[in-house]
Amino acid sequence: MSINNNLIPGFNDEKDDSLKISLEKVETVDNCIILYLNGYVDTYNSELFKKRVSKVVDAGYVNLIFNCTSLNYVSSTGIGALTSFQKLVKPRGGDIVLFEIQSKVYEVFQLLGFSQFFNIKESQEDAIDFFKAEPEIQESVFPKIFACPVCSKKLKATKAGRFRCSECKSILAIDNQGQVLLG
């Protein structure tokens, strides 16, 4: 585990036995790191999870790959933490990718309507290739029709910004690329 502190000084200063995180730098992609998650993320450990991943981002890693092979459970609070990472790295030109998600964990993503908002890949190779791909150049994605991630109501956005779902009243944000997020 000392390799974690070599990559991110102080990363292992705070630990929680319910979620162990190991780090591996991806040499073939700029500012990219794999976070191996072992355990679970819930209400009780999500703040520490956010704190530790924030250290990774503060160290300059904005392309985050989460290996979820040993992630046994994630609550809605844990998914909220992952959403916050996306909001943290996107403005810095980064993104997050999850791979090898156990079926019972993936079901939580689907039930809460988040499976479509995360880059989910089958393998580590696919996750790394996601960051190697050339970004698509689009004229404009607006107007955009999409389903509310909470209630699935069809909505139309004419421009980027924040707004409220007319059906369930959830606050949504849509960026210039047309990606929809809660909050």
N, C-alpha and C. Protein backbone atom coordinates (compact mmCIF):
# COMPACT_ATOMS: atom_id res chain seq x y z
N MET A 1 0.81 -1.21 0.00
CA MET A 1 0.00 0.00 0.00
C MET A 1 0.85 1.27 0.00
N SER A 2 2.16 1.14 0.24
CA SER A 2 2.99 2.34 0.24
C SER A 2 3.07 2.95 -1.15
N ILE A 3 2.78 2.17 -2.20
CA ILE A 3 2.75 2.72 -3.55
C ILE A 3 1.70 3.83 -3.66
N ASN A 4 0.59 3.70 -2.91
CA ASN A 4 -0.43 4.75 -2.92
C ASN A 4 0.16 6.07 -2.47
N ASN A 5 0.93 6.06 -1.38
CA ASN A 5 1.54 7.29 -0.87
C ASN A 5 2.62 7.81 -1.80
N ASN A 6 3.27 6.92 -2.57
CA ASN A 6 4.26 7.37 -3.55
C ASN A 6 3.58 8.14 -4.68
N LEU A 7 2.40 7.69 -5.11
CA LEU A 7 1.67 8.37 -6.18
C LEU A 7 0.98 9.64 -5.66
N ILE A 8 0.34 9.53 -4.52
CA ILE A 8 -0.41 10.63 -3.92
C ILE A 8 0.06 10.77 -2.47
N PRO A 9 0.94 11.72 -2.19
CA PRO A 9 1.41 11.87 -0.82
C PRO A 9 0.26 12.03 0.18
N GLY A 10 0.29 11.21 1.23
CA GLY A 10 -0.72 11.27 2.27
C GLY A 10 -2.01 10.52 1.95
N PHE A 11 -2.04 9.81 0.83
CA PHE A 11 -3.28 9.13 0.43
C PHE A 11 -3.73 8.13 1.48
N ASN A 12 -2.80 7.39 2.07
CA ASN A 12 -3.16 6.36 3.05
C ASN A 12 -3.21 6.86 4.48
N ASP A 13 -3.14 8.18 4.67
CA ASP A 13 -3.17 8.71 6.03
C ASP A 13 -4.46 8.36 6.76
N GLU A 14 -5.58 8.41 6.03
CA GLU A 14 -6.87 8.05 6.61
C GLU A 14 -7.37 6.79 5.90
N LYS A 15 -7.79 5.82 6.67
CA LYS A 15 -8.27 4.56 6.11
C LYS A 15 -9.58 4.18 6.74
N ASP A 16 -10.29 3.32 6.05
CA ASP A 16 -11.53 2.75 6.57
C ASP A 16 -11.54 1.31 6.10
N ASP A 17 -11.70 0.37 7.02
CA ASP A 17 -11.67 -1.04 6.65
C ASP A 17 -12.85 -1.44 5.76
N SER A 18 -13.90 -0.62 5.71
CA SER A 18 -15.05 -0.97 4.89
C SER A 18 -14.80 -0.71 3.40
N LEU A 19 -13.80 0.13 3.08
CA LEU A 19 -13.45 0.42 1.68
C LEU A 19 -11.96 0.62 1.56
N LYS A 20 -11.32 -0.31 0.92
CA LYS A 20 -9.88 -0.19 0.66
C LYS A 20 -9.71 0.29 -0.78
N ILE A 21 -8.79 1.24 -0.98
CA ILE A 21 -8.54 1.78 -2.31
C ILE A 21 -7.06 1.64 -2.62
N SER A 22 -6.77 1.01 -3.75
CA SER A 22 -5.40 0.91 -4.25
C SER A 22 -5.31 1.73 -5.54
N LEU A 23 -4.14 2.29 -5.80
CA LEU A 23 -3.94 3.15 -6.95
C LEU A 23 -2.93 2.56 -7.92
N GLU A 24 -3.15 2.82 -9.20
CA GLU A 24 -2.19 2.43 -10.23
C GLU A 24 -2.22 3.48 -11.32
N LYS A 25 -1.09 4.10 -11.58
CA LYS A 25 -1.00 5.12 -12.62
C LYS A 25 -1.07 4.44 -13.99
N VAL A 26 -1.79 5.06 -14.93
CA VAL A 26 -1.86 4.58 -16.31
C VAL A 26 -0.84 5.38 -17.10
N GLU A 27 0.21 4.72 -17.52
CA GLU A 27 1.31 5.39 -18.20
C GLU A 27 0.96 5.85 -19.61
N THR A 28 0.00 5.19 -20.24
CA THR A 28 -0.30 5.46 -21.65
C THR A 28 -1.32 6.58 -21.86
N VAL A 29 -1.87 7.12 -20.76
CA VAL A 29 -2.86 8.20 -20.85
C VAL A 29 -2.46 9.30 -19.86
N ASP A 30 -2.44 10.54 -20.34
CA ASP A 30 -2.08 11.67 -19.48
C ASP A 30 -3.06 11.81 -18.31
N ASN A 31 -2.52 12.07 -17.14
CA ASN A 31 -3.32 12.37 -15.94
C ASN A 31 -4.36 11.31 -15.63
N CYS A 32 -4.00 10.05 -15.84
CA CYS A 32 -4.96 8.95 -15.68
C CYS A 32 -4.48 8.00 -14.59
N ILE A 33 -5.44 7.56 -13.77
CA ILE A 33 -5.13 6.65 -12.67
C ILE A 33 -6.28 5.67 -12.49
N ILE A 34 -5.93 4.45 -12.11
CA ILE A 34 -6.95 3.44 -11.80
C ILE A 34 -7.08 3.36 -10.29
N LEU A 35 -8.31 3.40 -9.82
CA LEU A 35 -8.60 3.25 -8.40
C LEU A 35 -9.30 1.91 -8.21
N TYR A 36 -8.65 0.99 -7.53
CA TYR A 36 -9.20 -0.34 -7.26
C TYR A 36 -10.00 -0.25 -5.96
N LEU A 37 -11.31 -0.46 -6.07
CA LEU A 37 -12.19 -0.36 -4.91
C LEU A 37 -12.47 -1.75 -4.36
N ASN A 38 -12.28 -1.92 -3.06
CA ASN A 38 -12.50 -3.21 -2.41
C ASN A 38 -13.33 -2.98 -1.16
N GLY A 39 -14.59 -3.43 -1.19
CA GLY A 39 -15.48 -3.24 -0.05
C GLY A 39 -16.80 -2.66 -0.49
N TYR A 40 -17.24 -1.61 0.19
CA TYR A 40 -18.52 -0.99 -0.15
C TYR A 40 -18.47 0.50 0.11
N VAL A 41 -19.41 1.23 -0.53
CA VAL A 41 -19.54 2.67 -0.31
C VAL A 41 -20.97 2.93 0.12
N ASP A 42 -21.12 3.50 1.30
CA ASP A 42 -22.45 3.81 1.81
C ASP A 42 -22.42 5.16 2.55
N THR A 43 -23.48 5.44 3.26
CA THR A 43 -23.61 6.71 3.98
C THR A 43 -22.47 6.92 4.97
N TYR A 44 -22.01 5.85 5.59
CA TYR A 44 -21.02 5.98 6.66
C TYR A 44 -19.60 6.23 6.18
N ASN A 45 -19.25 5.75 4.99
CA ASN A 45 -17.88 5.94 4.54
C ASN A 45 -17.76 6.82 3.29
N SER A 46 -18.87 7.35 2.79
CA SER A 46 -18.81 8.12 1.54
C SER A 46 -18.01 9.42 1.68
N GLU A 47 -18.05 10.05 2.84
CA GLU A 47 -17.28 11.30 3.02
C GLU A 47 -15.78 11.02 2.94
N LEU A 48 -15.34 9.94 3.58
CA LEU A 48 -13.92 9.58 3.49
C LEU A 48 -13.56 9.19 2.06
N PHE A 49 -14.45 8.48 1.38
CA PHE A 49 -14.26 8.13 -0.03
C PHE A 49 -14.07 9.40 -0.86
N LYS A 50 -14.93 10.38 -0.67
CA LYS A 50 -14.82 11.63 -1.42
C LYS A 50 -13.52 12.35 -1.10
N LYS A 51 -13.15 12.34 0.17
CA LYS A 51 -11.93 13.02 0.60
C LYS A 51 -10.69 12.40 -0.04
N ARG A 52 -10.66 11.06 -0.07
CA ARG A 52 -9.49 10.38 -0.64
C ARG A 52 -9.42 10.56 -2.16
N VAL A 53 -10.55 10.50 -2.84
CA VAL A 53 -10.53 10.69 -4.29
C VAL A 53 -10.22 12.15 -4.63
N SER A 54 -10.65 13.08 -3.80
CA SER A 54 -10.31 14.49 -4.02
C SER A 54 -8.80 14.69 -3.95
N LYS A 55 -8.11 13.95 -3.10
CA LYS A 55 -6.64 14.03 -3.04
C LYS A 55 -6.03 13.60 -4.38
N VAL A 56 -6.63 12.60 -4.99
CA VAL A 56 -6.16 12.11 -6.29
C VAL A 56 -6.33 13.22 -7.34
N VAL A 57 -7.49 13.85 -7.36
CA VAL A 57 -7.76 14.91 -8.32
C VAL A 57 -6.87 16.11 -8.06
N ASP A 58 -6.70 16.47 -6.80
CA ASP A 58 -5.83 17.60 -6.45
C ASP A 58 -4.38 17.35 -6.86
N ALA A 59 -3.99 16.08 -6.96
CA ALA A 59 -2.64 15.73 -7.40
C ALA A 59 -2.50 15.79 -8.93
N GLY A 60 -3.60 16.13 -9.62
CA GLY A 60 -3.53 16.31 -11.07
C GLY A 60 -4.11 15.19 -11.90
N TYR A 61 -4.61 14.16 -11.26
CA TYR A 61 -5.24 13.06 -12.01
C TYR A 61 -6.71 13.40 -12.24
N VAL A 62 -7.05 13.66 -13.50
CA VAL A 62 -8.44 14.02 -13.81
C VAL A 62 -9.14 12.96 -14.65
N ASN A 63 -8.40 11.99 -15.14
CA ASN A 63 -8.98 10.85 -15.86
C ASN A 63 -8.98 9.68 -14.89
N LEU A 64 -10.14 9.44 -14.27
CA LEU A 64 -10.24 8.45 -13.20
C LEU A 64 -10.93 7.19 -13.71
N ILE A 65 -10.29 6.05 -13.47
CA ILE A 65 -10.86 4.76 -13.82
C ILE A 65 -11.08 4.00 -12.52
N PHE A 66 -12.33 3.62 -12.27
CA PHE A 66 -12.67 2.89 -11.06
C PHE A 66 -12.85 1.41 -11.39
N ASN A 67 -11.97 0.56 -10.84
CA ASN A 67 -12.11 -0.89 -10.99
C ASN A 67 -13.06 -1.34 -9.89
N CYS A 68 -14.24 -1.81 -10.30
CA CYS A 68 -15.30 -2.15 -9.35
C CYS A 68 -15.44 -3.65 -9.14
N THR A 69 -14.43 -4.43 -9.53
CA THR A 69 -14.49 -5.88 -9.39
C THR A 69 -14.80 -6.30 -7.96
N SER A 70 -14.18 -5.64 -6.99
CA SER A 70 -14.35 -6.01 -5.58
C SER A 70 -15.22 -5.03 -4.82
N LEU A 71 -15.99 -4.22 -5.54
CA LEU A 71 -16.95 -3.32 -4.90
C LEU A 71 -18.23 -4.12 -4.71
N ASN A 72 -18.52 -4.48 -3.46
CA ASN A 72 -19.63 -5.38 -3.15
C ASN A 72 -20.98 -4.70 -3.02
N TYR A 73 -20.97 -3.41 -2.71
CA TYR A 73 -22.23 -2.70 -2.48
C TYR A 73 -21.99 -1.22 -2.67
N VAL A 74 -22.96 -0.52 -3.21
CA VAL A 74 -22.93 0.93 -3.27
C VAL A 74 -24.35 1.44 -3.00
N SER A 75 -24.45 2.40 -2.10
CA SER A 75 -25.76 2.98 -1.78
C SER A 75 -25.97 4.20 -2.67
N SER A 76 -27.13 4.81 -2.55
CA SER A 76 -27.39 6.04 -3.31
C SER A 76 -26.39 7.14 -2.92
N THR A 77 -25.95 7.13 -1.67
CA THR A 77 -24.94 8.11 -1.23
C THR A 77 -23.61 7.85 -1.94
N GLY A 78 -23.28 6.58 -2.14
CA GLY A 78 -22.06 6.23 -2.87
C GLY A 78 -22.13 6.67 -4.32
N ILE A 79 -23.29 6.50 -4.93
CA ILE A 79 -23.47 6.96 -6.31
C ILE A 79 -23.38 8.48 -6.36
N GLY A 80 -23.90 9.13 -5.33
CA GLY A 80 -23.77 10.58 -5.23
C GLY A 80 -22.31 11.01 -5.17
N ALA A 81 -21.49 10.24 -4.48
CA ALA A 81 -20.06 10.54 -4.41
C ALA A 81 -19.43 10.43 -5.80
N LEU A 82 -19.78 9.38 -6.54
CA LEU A 82 -19.26 9.21 -7.90
C LEU A 82 -19.70 10.37 -8.80
N THR A 83 -20.93 10.82 -8.61
CA THR A 83 -21.42 11.97 -9.38
C THR A 83 -20.61 13.22 -9.05
N SER A 84 -20.27 13.38 -7.78
CA SER A 84 -19.48 14.54 -7.39
C SER A 84 -18.08 14.50 -8.01
N PHE A 85 -17.53 13.30 -8.20
CA PHE A 85 -16.22 13.19 -8.86
C PHE A 85 -16.31 13.64 -10.30
N GLN A 86 -17.43 13.26 -10.95
CA GLN A 86 -17.63 13.67 -12.33
C GLN A 86 -17.67 15.20 -12.42
N LYS A 87 -18.38 15.82 -11.49
CA LYS A 87 -18.48 17.28 -11.47
C LYS A 87 -17.13 17.93 -11.16
N LEU A 88 -16.28 17.22 -10.45
CA LEU A 88 -14.97 17.73 -10.08
C LEU A 88 -13.98 17.68 -11.25
N VAL A 89 -14.01 16.60 -12.03
CA VAL A 89 -13.01 16.43 -13.08
C VAL A 89 -13.42 16.99 -14.44
N LYS A 90 -14.72 17.03 -14.74
CA LYS A 90 -15.18 17.51 -16.06
C LYS A 90 -14.68 18.92 -16.38
N PRO A 91 -14.80 19.89 -15.45
CA PRO A 91 -14.31 21.24 -15.77
C PRO A 91 -12.79 21.29 -15.99
N ARG A 92 -12.09 20.28 -15.53
CA ARG A 92 -10.64 20.23 -15.69
C ARG A 92 -10.24 19.41 -16.91
N GLY A 93 -11.22 19.06 -17.74
CA GLY A 93 -10.94 18.30 -18.96
C GLY A 93 -10.87 16.80 -18.76
N GLY A 94 -11.32 16.30 -17.62
CA GLY A 94 -11.24 14.88 -17.33
C GLY A 94 -12.60 14.21 -17.36
N ASP A 95 -12.60 12.95 -16.96
CA ASP A 95 -13.84 12.18 -16.92
C ASP A 95 -13.61 10.98 -16.00
N ILE A 96 -14.68 10.24 -15.73
CA ILE A 96 -14.53 9.01 -14.96
C ILE A 96 -15.13 7.85 -15.75
N VAL A 97 -14.54 6.68 -15.53
CA VAL A 97 -15.01 5.45 -16.15
C VAL A 97 -15.05 4.38 -15.06
N LEU A 98 -16.11 3.59 -15.08
CA LEU A 98 -16.25 2.46 -14.16
C LEU A 98 -16.17 1.19 -14.99
N PHE A 99 -15.54 0.15 -14.44
CA PHE A 99 -15.54 -1.12 -15.16
C PHE A 99 -15.60 -2.29 -14.21
N GLU A 100 -16.03 -3.42 -14.79
CA GLU A 100 -16.22 -4.68 -14.06
C GLU A 100 -17.11 -4.50 -12.83
N ILE A 101 -18.26 -3.89 -13.05
CA ILE A 101 -19.22 -3.68 -11.97
C ILE A 101 -20.00 -4.97 -11.74
N GLN A 102 -20.07 -5.41 -10.50
CA GLN A 102 -20.85 -6.60 -10.17
C GLN A 102 -22.32 -6.35 -10.48
N SER A 103 -23.03 -7.39 -10.86
CA SER A 103 -24.42 -7.23 -11.29
C SER A 103 -25.31 -6.62 -10.20
N LYS A 104 -25.10 -7.01 -8.94
CA LYS A 104 -25.95 -6.46 -7.87
C LYS A 104 -25.66 -4.97 -7.65
N VAL A 105 -24.44 -4.54 -7.91
CA VAL A 105 -24.10 -3.12 -7.79
C VAL A 105 -24.67 -2.37 -9.00
N TYR A 106 -24.57 -2.96 -10.19
CA TYR A 106 -25.10 -2.34 -11.39
C TYR A 106 -26.61 -2.13 -11.29
N GLU A 107 -27.29 -3.06 -10.64
CA GLU A 107 -28.74 -2.93 -10.44
C GLU A 107 -29.09 -1.66 -9.68
N VAL A 108 -28.26 -1.29 -8.70
CA VAL A 108 -28.51 -0.06 -7.95
C VAL A 108 -28.39 1.14 -8.88
N PHE A 109 -27.37 1.14 -9.75
CA PHE A 109 -27.21 2.22 -10.73
C PHE A 109 -28.46 2.32 -11.60
N GLN A 110 -28.94 1.17 -12.06
CA GLN A 110 -30.12 1.15 -12.93
C GLN A 110 -31.38 1.61 -12.19
N LEU A 111 -31.59 1.10 -10.99
CA LEU A 111 -32.78 1.46 -10.23
C LEU A 111 -32.85 2.96 -9.95
N LEU A 112 -31.70 3.56 -9.71
CA LEU A 112 -31.66 4.99 -9.41
C LEU A 112 -31.55 5.84 -10.67
N GLY A 113 -31.46 5.20 -11.84
CA GLY A 113 -31.42 5.92 -13.10
C GLY A 113 -30.07 6.50 -13.46
N PHE A 114 -28.99 5.96 -12.89
CA PHE A 114 -27.67 6.53 -13.15
C PHE A 114 -26.82 5.74 -14.14
N SER A 115 -27.29 4.58 -14.57
CA SER A 115 -26.47 3.76 -15.46
C SER A 115 -26.16 4.48 -16.77
N GLN A 116 -27.05 5.38 -17.20
CA GLN A 116 -26.82 6.08 -18.46
C GLN A 116 -25.92 7.30 -18.31
N PHE A 117 -25.61 7.72 -17.08
CA PHE A 117 -24.82 8.93 -16.88
C PHE A 117 -23.35 8.66 -16.60
N PHE A 118 -23.00 7.39 -16.45
CA PHE A 118 -21.61 7.04 -16.21
C PHE A 118 -21.07 6.27 -17.40
N ASN A 119 -19.79 6.45 -17.64
CA ASN A 119 -19.11 5.66 -18.66
C ASN A 119 -18.80 4.32 -18.02
N ILE A 120 -19.52 3.29 -18.41
CA ILE A 120 -19.35 1.96 -17.83
C ILE A 120 -18.80 1.04 -18.91
N LYS A 121 -17.69 0.41 -18.62
CA LYS A 121 -17.02 -0.46 -19.58
C LYS A 121 -16.89 -1.86 -19.00
N GLU A 122 -16.62 -2.81 -19.88
CA GLU A 122 -16.50 -4.22 -19.48
C GLU A 122 -15.14 -4.54 -18.89
N SER A 123 -14.07 -3.94 -19.44
CA SER A 123 -12.72 -4.34 -19.04
C SER A 123 -11.83 -3.12 -18.82
N GLN A 124 -10.68 -3.37 -18.21
CA GLN A 124 -9.71 -2.31 -17.98
C GLN A 124 -9.21 -1.76 -19.31
N GLU A 125 -9.00 -2.62 -20.28
CA GLU A 125 -8.53 -2.20 -21.60
C GLU A 125 -9.55 -1.25 -22.24
N ASP A 126 -10.84 -1.60 -22.16
CA ASP A 126 -11.89 -0.73 -22.70
C ASP A 126 -11.92 0.62 -21.98
N ALA A 127 -11.71 0.59 -20.67
CA ALA A 127 -11.71 1.82 -19.88
C ALA A 127 -10.56 2.73 -20.29
N ILE A 128 -9.38 2.17 -20.47
CA ILE A 128 -8.22 2.96 -20.89
C ILE A 128 -8.43 3.48 -22.31
N ASP A 129 -8.96 2.63 -23.19
CA ASP A 129 -9.22 3.04 -24.58
C ASP A 129 -10.21 4.20 -24.65
N PHE A 130 -11.12 4.29 -23.69
CA PHE A 130 -12.08 5.40 -23.65
C PHE A 130 -11.33 6.73 -23.63
N PHE A 131 -10.24 6.81 -22.88
CA PHE A 131 -9.49 8.06 -22.78
C PHE A 131 -8.55 8.27 -23.97
N LYS A 132 -8.26 7.22 -24.71
CA LYS A 132 -7.40 7.35 -25.88
C LYS A 132 -8.18 7.79 -27.11
N ALA A 133 -9.48 7.61 -27.10
CA ALA A 133 -10.31 7.94 -28.26
C ALA A 133 -10.31 9.45 -28.50
N GLU A 134 -10.36 9.82 -29.75
CA GLU A 134 -10.44 11.23 -30.11
C GLU A 134 -11.82 11.76 -29.74
N PRO A 135 -11.88 12.94 -29.15
CA PRO A 135 -13.20 13.50 -28.80
C PRO A 135 -13.99 13.81 -30.07
N GLU A 136 -15.29 13.55 -29.99
CA GLU A 136 -16.17 13.83 -31.12
C GLU A 136 -16.43 15.33 -31.18
N ILE A 137 -16.36 15.87 -32.38
CA ILE A 137 -16.64 17.28 -32.57
C ILE A 137 -18.08 17.40 -33.06
N GLN A 138 -18.86 18.16 -32.32
CA GLN A 138 -20.27 18.33 -32.66
C GLN A 138 -20.56 19.81 -32.85
N GLU A 139 -21.41 20.08 -33.81
CA GLU A 139 -21.84 21.46 -34.04
C GLU A 139 -22.61 21.96 -32.82
N SER A 140 -23.75 21.33 -32.55
CA SER A 140 -24.57 21.68 -31.40
C SER A 140 -25.47 20.50 -31.08
N VAL A 141 -25.63 20.24 -29.80
CA VAL A 141 -26.48 19.13 -29.39
C VAL A 141 -27.89 19.60 -29.05
N PHE A 142 -28.10 20.91 -29.14
CA PHE A 142 -29.39 21.47 -28.74
C PHE A 142 -30.21 21.82 -29.96
N PRO A 143 -31.53 21.70 -29.88
CA PRO A 143 -32.29 21.22 -28.73
C PRO A 143 -32.09 19.72 -28.53
N LYS A 144 -32.16 19.30 -27.29
CA LYS A 144 -31.93 17.89 -26.93
C LYS A 144 -33.13 17.37 -26.17
N ILE A 145 -33.59 16.19 -26.59
CA ILE A 145 -34.68 15.51 -25.89
C ILE A 145 -34.07 14.35 -25.12
N PHE A 146 -34.41 14.24 -23.85
CA PHE A 146 -33.83 13.21 -22.99
C PHE A 146 -34.84 12.81 -21.92
N ALA A 147 -34.54 11.72 -21.23
CA ALA A 147 -35.41 11.25 -20.15
C ALA A 147 -34.85 11.73 -18.82
N CYS A 148 -35.72 12.20 -17.94
CA CYS A 148 -35.31 12.59 -16.60
C CYS A 148 -34.70 11.37 -15.92
N PRO A 149 -33.52 11.51 -15.29
CA PRO A 149 -32.88 10.35 -14.64
C PRO A 149 -33.63 9.84 -13.41
N VAL A 150 -34.56 10.62 -12.89
CA VAL A 150 -35.30 10.22 -11.70
C VAL A 150 -36.63 9.58 -12.06
N CYS A 151 -37.42 10.26 -12.90
CA CYS A 151 -38.78 9.77 -13.17
C CYS A 151 -39.00 9.29 -14.61
N SER A 152 -38.00 9.46 -15.48
CA SER A 152 -38.03 9.04 -16.88
C SER A 152 -38.96 9.87 -17.77
N LYS A 153 -39.45 10.99 -17.29
CA LYS A 153 -40.28 11.88 -18.12
C LYS A 153 -39.43 12.42 -19.26
N LYS A 154 -39.97 12.43 -20.46
CA LYS A 154 -39.27 13.01 -21.61
C LYS A 154 -39.24 14.52 -21.46
N LEU A 155 -38.05 15.09 -21.58
CA LEU A 155 -37.85 16.52 -21.42
C LEU A 155 -37.09 17.07 -22.62
N LYS A 156 -37.18 18.37 -22.83
CA LYS A 156 -36.47 19.02 -23.92
C LYS A 156 -35.66 20.18 -23.36
N ALA A 157 -34.38 20.23 -23.71
CA ALA A 157 -33.52 21.34 -23.31
C ALA A 157 -33.11 22.10 -24.56
N THR A 158 -33.26 23.40 -24.54
CA THR A 158 -32.89 24.21 -25.70
C THR A 158 -31.47 24.76 -25.58
N LYS A 159 -30.91 24.70 -24.35
CA LYS A 159 -29.54 25.18 -24.15
C LYS A 159 -28.99 24.56 -22.87
N ALA A 160 -27.69 24.72 -22.67
CA ALA A 160 -27.05 24.22 -21.46
C ALA A 160 -27.51 25.04 -20.25
N GLY A 161 -27.52 24.40 -19.07
CA GLY A 161 -27.90 25.12 -17.86
C GLY A 161 -28.56 24.21 -16.86
N ARG A 162 -29.17 24.81 -15.84
CA ARG A 162 -29.87 24.07 -14.78
C ARG A 162 -31.36 24.33 -14.91
N PHE A 163 -32.15 23.32 -14.65
CA PHE A 163 -33.59 23.47 -14.67
C PHE A 163 -34.23 22.38 -13.84
N ARG A 164 -35.55 22.46 -13.69
CA ARG A 164 -36.29 21.53 -12.85
C ARG A 164 -37.18 20.67 -13.74
N CYS A 165 -37.22 19.35 -13.45
CA CYS A 165 -38.10 18.43 -14.17
C CYS A 165 -39.55 18.84 -13.90
N SER A 166 -40.34 18.90 -14.96
CA SER A 166 -41.74 19.31 -14.81
C SER A 166 -42.58 18.25 -14.10
N GLU A 167 -42.12 17.00 -14.10
CA GLU A 167 -42.89 15.91 -13.49
C GLU A 167 -42.53 15.71 -12.01
N CYS A 168 -41.25 15.41 -11.73
CA CYS A 168 -40.85 15.05 -10.36
C CYS A 168 -40.18 16.19 -9.60
N LYS A 169 -39.93 17.31 -10.29
CA LYS A 169 -39.35 18.52 -9.68
C LYS A 169 -37.88 18.37 -9.31
N SER A 170 -37.20 17.32 -9.80
CA SER A 170 -35.76 17.17 -9.56
C SER A 170 -35.01 18.27 -10.28
N ILE A 171 -33.94 18.74 -9.66
CA ILE A 171 -33.10 19.75 -10.30
C ILE A 171 -32.08 19.02 -11.17
N LEU A 172 -32.02 19.42 -12.43
CA LEU A 172 -31.13 18.79 -13.40
C LEU A 172 -30.18 19.83 -13.97
N ALA A 173 -29.03 19.36 -14.41
CA ALA A 173 -28.07 20.22 -15.09
C ALA A 173 -27.70 19.55 -16.40
N ILE A 174 -27.58 20.34 -17.46
CA ILE A 174 -27.16 19.81 -18.75
C ILE A 174 -26.00 20.67 -19.23
N ASP A 175 -24.90 20.01 -19.63
CA ASP A 175 -23.73 20.76 -20.04
C ASP A 175 -23.76 21.03 -21.55
N ASN A 176 -22.74 21.71 -22.04
CA ASN A 176 -22.69 22.08 -23.46
C ASN A 176 -22.62 20.89 -24.40
N GLN A 177 -22.18 19.74 -23.89
CA GLN A 177 -22.13 18.53 -24.70
C GLN A 177 -23.45 17.75 -24.63
N GLY A 178 -24.41 18.24 -23.85
CA GLY A 178 -25.71 17.59 -23.74
C GLY A 178 -25.77 16.52 -22.67
N GLN A 179 -24.74 16.42 -21.82
CA GLN A 179 -24.74 15.43 -20.75
C GLN A 179 -25.60 15.94 -19.60
N VAL A 180 -26.50 15.08 -19.12
CA VAL A 180 -27.44 15.45 -18.08
C VAL A 180 -26.97 14.88 -16.75
N LEU A 181 -26.98 15.71 -15.70
CA LEU A 181 -26.60 15.30 -14.36
C LEU A 181 -27.62 15.83 -13.37
N LEU A 182 -27.73 15.19 -12.24
CA LEU A 182 -28.57 15.71 -11.16
C LEU A 182 -27.87 16.90 -10.53
N GLY A 183 -28.66 17.88 -10.14
CA GLY A 183 -28.11 18.99 -9.37
C GLY A 183 -27.76 20.15 -10.19
